[in-house]
Protein backbone atom coordinates (compact mmCIF):
# COMPACT_ATOMS: atom_id res chain seq x y z
CA MET A 1 23.05 65.96 -60.89
CA ALA A 2 22.69 62.20 -60.50
CA VAL A 3 20.76 59.24 -61.88
CA CYS A 4 18.20 57.41 -59.74
CA GLU A 5 18.43 53.63 -60.03
CA VAL A 6 15.21 52.60 -58.26
CA CYS A 7 12.86 52.02 -61.22
CA PHE A 8 12.74 51.91 -65.02
CA ARG A 9 12.59 55.71 -65.32
CA HIS A 10 16.21 56.21 -64.21
CA CYS A 11 15.43 59.87 -63.57
CA VAL A 12 18.30 62.29 -64.06
CA ILE A 13 17.83 64.57 -61.06
CA GLU A 14 19.40 67.99 -60.65
CA GLU A 15 20.92 69.02 -57.35
CA GLY A 16 18.19 69.79 -54.81
CA LYS A 17 15.42 68.54 -57.10
CA THR A 18 13.26 65.42 -56.96
CA GLY A 19 12.52 62.73 -59.49
CA PHE A 20 9.20 61.73 -61.04
CA CYS A 21 8.09 60.03 -57.81
CA GLY A 22 8.40 63.25 -55.82
CA ALA A 23 10.38 61.55 -53.08
CA ARG A 24 13.85 60.74 -54.36
CA VAL A 25 16.11 63.77 -54.25
CA CYS A 26 19.62 64.66 -55.40
CA ARG A 27 21.81 65.86 -52.54
CA ASP A 28 25.55 66.41 -52.82
CA GLY A 29 25.59 64.67 -56.18
CA ARG A 30 23.85 61.47 -55.11
CA VAL A 31 20.23 60.33 -55.05
CA THR A 32 18.70 59.61 -51.66
CA ALA A 33 15.24 59.10 -50.18
CA GLY A 34 13.89 62.55 -49.44
CA ASN A 35 10.98 60.93 -47.64
CA TYR A 36 13.21 58.95 -45.27
CA GLY A 37 11.35 58.68 -41.97
CA ARG A 38 8.63 61.13 -42.99
CA ILE A 39 5.52 59.31 -41.86
CA THR A 40 2.20 60.67 -43.12
CA SER A 41 -0.06 57.86 -41.91
CA LEU A 42 0.04 55.33 -39.10
CA ALA A 43 -2.73 52.88 -38.17
CA LEU A 44 -3.23 49.47 -36.60
CA ASP A 45 -5.07 47.41 -39.24
CA PRO A 46 -6.22 43.83 -39.72
CA VAL A 47 -3.63 42.08 -41.88
CA GLU A 48 -6.46 41.12 -44.23
CA LYS A 49 -6.84 44.81 -45.12
CA LYS A 50 -3.44 44.93 -46.85
CA PRO A 51 -4.82 42.63 -48.36
CA LEU A 52 -3.14 39.46 -47.14
CA ALA A 53 -5.46 36.49 -46.79
CA ARG A 54 -2.99 33.70 -46.11
CA PHE A 55 -0.31 35.37 -44.02
CA MET A 56 -1.07 35.19 -40.29
CA PRO A 57 -4.85 35.70 -40.75
CA GLY A 58 -6.70 37.23 -37.84
CA SER A 59 -3.69 39.34 -36.84
CA LEU A 60 -3.25 43.08 -36.60
CA ILE A 61 -0.35 44.95 -38.16
CA LEU A 62 0.93 48.50 -37.76
CA SER A 63 0.56 50.20 -41.15
CA ALA A 64 2.95 53.04 -41.94
CA GLY A 65 3.06 55.28 -45.00
CA SER A 66 5.06 58.21 -46.31
CA TYR A 67 4.61 60.19 -49.55
CA GLY A 68 5.55 59.76 -53.19
CA CYS A 69 4.85 57.22 -55.93
CA ASN A 70 6.42 56.21 -59.24
CA LEU A 71 3.05 55.44 -60.86
CA ARG A 72 0.28 57.89 -61.77
CA CYS A 73 -2.88 55.81 -61.39
CA PRO A 74 -5.69 58.31 -62.11
CA PHE A 75 -7.96 56.48 -59.64
CA CYS A 76 -5.46 56.45 -56.72
CA GLN A 77 -7.30 55.94 -53.45
CA ASN A 78 -4.40 57.34 -51.42
CA HIS A 79 -3.75 60.37 -53.63
CA SER A 80 -3.99 62.77 -50.69
CA ILE A 81 -0.76 61.36 -49.21
CA SER A 82 0.84 59.77 -52.24
CA TRP A 83 1.34 61.88 -55.37
CA SER A 84 -1.26 64.65 -55.61
CA ALA A 85 -0.45 68.35 -55.28
CA GLU A 86 -1.88 68.09 -51.77
CA ALA A 87 0.47 65.24 -50.92
CA PHE A 88 3.58 67.08 -52.05
CA ALA A 89 2.47 70.28 -50.32
CA MET A 90 2.17 68.48 -46.98
CA ALA A 91 5.36 66.45 -47.43
CA GLU A 92 7.56 68.83 -45.49
CA LYS A 93 5.11 68.79 -42.59
CA ALA A 94 5.16 65.02 -42.24
CA GLU A 95 6.24 63.66 -38.87
CA ILE A 96 9.82 62.39 -38.88
CA LEU A 97 10.44 59.06 -37.17
CA THR A 98 13.71 57.17 -37.04
CA PRO A 99 13.71 53.44 -37.80
CA GLU A 100 14.21 52.92 -34.07
CA ASP A 101 11.17 55.08 -33.29
CA LEU A 102 8.89 53.15 -35.64
CA ALA A 103 10.16 49.73 -34.54
CA ASP A 104 9.59 50.71 -30.91
CA ILE A 105 6.02 51.83 -31.69
CA ALA A 106 5.37 48.48 -33.33
CA GLU A 107 6.67 46.66 -30.28
CA ARG A 108 4.49 48.75 -27.95
CA TYR A 109 1.41 47.59 -29.85
CA ARG A 110 2.44 43.96 -29.57
CA ALA A 111 0.24 43.55 -26.51
CA LYS A 112 -2.75 44.54 -28.67
CA GLY A 113 -2.03 41.80 -31.17
CA ASN A 114 0.37 43.63 -33.50
CA ILE A 115 2.63 41.29 -35.49
CA GLY A 116 4.90 43.94 -37.02
CA ILE A 117 4.88 46.72 -39.61
CA ALA A 118 3.28 46.97 -43.05
CA PHE A 119 4.86 49.60 -45.29
CA THR A 120 1.90 50.84 -47.30
CA TYR A 121 -0.37 53.76 -48.35
CA ASN A 122 2.19 55.33 -50.70
CA GLU A 123 4.77 53.36 -52.71
CA PRO A 124 7.29 52.03 -50.16
CA LEU A 125 9.92 50.91 -52.69
CA ILE A 126 10.83 54.48 -53.61
CA GLY A 127 11.92 54.92 -49.99
CA TYR A 128 13.39 51.45 -49.67
CA GLU A 129 16.27 52.63 -47.46
CA PHE A 130 13.90 53.48 -44.60
CA VAL A 131 12.00 50.23 -45.15
CA ARG A 132 15.25 48.25 -45.02
CA ASP A 133 16.56 49.97 -41.91
CA THR A 134 13.28 49.68 -40.04
CA ALA A 135 12.49 46.12 -41.12
CA ARG A 136 15.91 45.00 -39.92
CA LEU A 137 15.08 46.30 -36.43
CA VAL A 138 11.59 44.81 -36.55
CA HIS A 139 13.11 41.40 -37.25
CA LYS A 140 15.46 41.78 -34.31
CA LYS A 141 12.38 42.23 -32.14
CA GLY A 142 10.96 38.97 -33.45
CA MET A 143 8.21 40.68 -35.45
CA ASN A 144 7.21 40.70 -39.13
CA SER A 145 7.67 43.18 -41.98
CA VAL A 146 5.22 43.46 -44.86
CA LEU A 147 5.29 45.43 -48.13
CA VAL A 148 2.21 46.62 -49.99
CA THR A 149 3.69 47.69 -53.31
CA ASN A 150 3.20 48.28 -57.02
CA GLY A 151 6.31 46.17 -57.62
CA MET A 152 7.83 48.69 -60.01
CA ALA A 153 11.46 48.63 -58.94
CA GLU A 154 14.79 47.22 -60.01
CA LEU A 155 15.73 43.81 -58.64
CA SER A 156 18.65 45.40 -56.81
CA VAL A 157 16.06 47.07 -54.55
CA LEU A 158 14.43 43.70 -53.88
CA GLU A 159 17.83 42.22 -53.02
CA GLU A 160 18.38 44.96 -50.43
CA LEU A 161 15.03 44.25 -48.78
CA ALA A 162 14.70 40.48 -49.17
CA PRO A 163 16.42 39.45 -45.91
CA TYR A 164 13.98 41.53 -43.85
CA ILE A 165 10.59 41.16 -45.58
CA ASP A 166 8.22 38.36 -44.61
CA ALA A 167 5.29 39.02 -46.94
CA MET A 168 4.25 41.24 -49.82
CA ASN A 169 1.05 42.15 -51.56
CA ILE A 170 2.04 43.24 -55.07
CA ASP A 171 -0.24 44.92 -57.59
CA LEU A 172 -0.45 43.43 -61.05
CA LYS A 173 -2.81 46.08 -62.33
CA GLY A 174 -3.41 44.63 -65.75
CA PHE A 175 -1.80 42.53 -68.45
CA THR A 176 -1.33 44.93 -71.35
CA ASP A 177 1.55 47.29 -71.98
CA ARG A 178 -0.92 49.91 -73.23
CA TYR A 179 -2.72 50.07 -69.89
CA TYR A 180 0.48 50.23 -67.89
CA SER A 181 2.22 52.82 -70.05
CA GLU A 182 -0.65 55.06 -71.16
CA VAL A 183 -2.96 55.00 -68.12
CA LEU A 184 -0.69 54.20 -65.18
CA LYS A 185 2.57 55.64 -66.57
CA GLY A 186 4.42 52.50 -65.57
CA ASP A 187 6.19 49.42 -66.88
CA ARG A 188 4.37 46.06 -66.82
CA ARG A 189 7.47 44.02 -67.56
CA MET A 190 9.31 45.45 -64.57
CA VAL A 191 6.40 44.58 -62.28
CA MET A 192 6.18 41.03 -63.63
CA GLU A 193 9.90 40.47 -63.14
CA PHE A 194 9.69 41.87 -59.60
CA ILE A 195 6.85 39.45 -58.75
CA ARG A 196 8.74 36.58 -60.36
CA GLU A 197 11.72 37.19 -58.07
CA ALA A 198 9.72 38.12 -54.96
CA VAL A 199 7.98 34.73 -54.80
CA LYS A 200 11.42 33.21 -54.30
CA VAL A 201 12.13 35.13 -51.10
CA CYS A 202 8.88 35.62 -49.14
CA HIS A 203 5.14 35.03 -49.02
CA VAL A 204 3.51 36.88 -51.93
CA GLU A 205 -0.11 37.68 -52.72
CA VAL A 206 -1.15 39.57 -55.86
CA THR A 207 -3.89 42.18 -56.29
CA CYS A 208 -5.64 43.25 -59.49
CA LEU A 209 -8.03 46.22 -59.42
CA ILE A 210 -10.60 45.85 -62.19
CA VAL A 211 -11.31 49.13 -64.01
CA PRO A 212 -14.30 49.12 -66.40
CA GLY A 213 -13.19 49.42 -70.01
CA GLU A 214 -9.53 48.93 -69.18
CA ASN A 215 -8.69 45.48 -67.80
CA ASP A 216 -12.09 43.87 -67.26
CA SER A 217 -12.25 41.07 -69.83
CA ARG A 218 -12.30 37.35 -69.09
CA GLU A 219 -9.48 36.92 -71.59
CA GLU A 220 -7.18 39.25 -69.68
CA MET A 221 -8.02 37.56 -66.37
CA GLU A 222 -7.21 34.21 -67.94
CA GLU A 223 -3.82 35.60 -68.95
CA ILE A 224 -3.14 37.06 -65.50
CA SER A 225 -4.15 33.95 -63.58
CA GLY A 226 -2.34 31.69 -66.03
CA TRP A 227 0.85 33.70 -65.69
CA ILE A 228 0.67 33.59 -61.89
CA ALA A 229 0.08 29.84 -61.92
CA GLY A 230 3.05 29.49 -64.27
CA LEU A 231 5.38 30.93 -61.64
CA GLU A 232 5.73 27.39 -60.33
CA ASP A 233 8.91 27.17 -62.38
CA VAL A 234 10.56 29.56 -59.91
CA TYR A 235 8.23 29.29 -56.91
CA ASP A 236 9.11 26.83 -54.13
CA GLY A 237 5.82 25.01 -54.51
CA ASP A 238 2.73 25.02 -56.72
CA GLY A 239 2.22 28.33 -58.56
CA SER A 240 -1.53 27.84 -58.39
CA MET A 241 -1.27 28.32 -54.61
CA ILE A 242 -0.26 32.00 -54.96
CA PRO A 243 -3.28 34.04 -53.78
CA LEU A 244 -4.93 36.56 -56.11
CA HIS A 245 -7.18 39.39 -54.90
CA ILE A 246 -9.60 40.83 -57.46
CA SER A 247 -10.95 44.22 -56.41
CA ARG A 248 -13.58 46.73 -57.51
CA PHE A 249 -12.77 50.14 -58.93
CA PHE A 250 -14.63 53.18 -57.59
CA PRO A 251 -14.66 56.55 -59.39
CA ARG A 252 -12.34 58.97 -57.64
CA PHE A 253 -9.48 61.45 -58.02
CA HIS A 254 -8.89 61.98 -61.79
CA MET A 255 -11.02 59.09 -62.99
CA THR A 256 -14.69 59.87 -62.45
CA ASP A 257 -15.83 59.22 -66.01
CA ARG A 258 -17.11 55.69 -65.33
CA ARG A 259 -19.13 53.78 -62.78
CA ALA A 260 -17.84 51.49 -60.07
CA THR A 261 -17.04 47.99 -61.25
CA ASP A 262 -20.09 45.77 -61.28
CA VAL A 263 -20.07 43.26 -58.41
CA GLY A 264 -21.27 40.51 -60.71
CA LEU A 265 -18.30 41.09 -62.99
CA ILE A 266 -15.87 40.74 -60.08
CA TYR A 267 -17.43 37.40 -59.14
CA ASP A 268 -17.34 36.28 -62.76
CA LEU A 269 -13.66 37.18 -63.13
CA ALA A 270 -12.92 35.44 -59.84
CA ASP A 271 -14.50 32.28 -61.19
CA THR A 272 -12.37 32.64 -64.30
CA ALA A 273 -9.21 32.96 -62.21
CA ARG A 274 -10.17 29.91 -60.17
CA GLY A 275 -9.69 27.89 -63.31
CA LYS A 276 -5.93 28.36 -62.74
CA LEU A 277 -5.55 29.41 -59.09
CA LYS A 278 -6.67 27.82 -55.83
CA TYR A 279 -6.90 30.97 -53.71
CA VAL A 280 -8.88 33.80 -55.31
CA TYR A 281 -10.45 36.53 -53.20
CA THR A 282 -12.92 39.27 -54.10
CA GLY A 283 -12.47 42.72 -52.57
CA ASN A 284 -14.74 45.73 -51.99
CA CYS A 285 -17.84 43.68 -52.79
């Protein structure tokens, strides 16, 4: 039995069992990444799809994902490989790649415009050891490493990764503790602190998915955009320059009780955010 130190849950995991995320496992009395090198998805994507709008725009990046997540978003678009019963059932069948294997694949696609690797699809921070080991090799090849993450991890995890990560897109899914704890099963304060420290070490863009009836008010968007702009006290530059992506919700997975977010609302919230931020982007519109 051992305690996992990756996120706020600090799961106490019995020998041979996994924590809440489904990917961190206790082996020989210590917690390790059970999904280390187990790649479930691999694709060459436009960097804008991550989404990153102001990090090497027009480039392609090799996107790699594994399984497991420490949130339980009921609308998860990657549930089939992240945290659903289907995802955990297929986990043992996932292809195993070493950090060297994945870095070499990234380099082979360089001729097609690939700039590096984006760790995405599931939550990469719960398998940070593989991210760290691979990103280190990617840097040695003169390429970039990107994280697409929910940001729900201890700062010690960020410290491990910081020397090797060039850019992140971090979800700030809402600005109320109720939404984070009751709907997403997460911790808003941990995410905010992670973002606050991440802007010190690499390029950061933030994404907020707007779910009808949950986080769709102008007042909440004013709070989110104001908080991001206020990061100038730690950011090496103007906090209003941190990009924010505002995206539409679509009914899926366990949340099919409401309609897709109205396009007009997304544009309205984007205008609200532009009162505080220079770079605001609308997604899925």
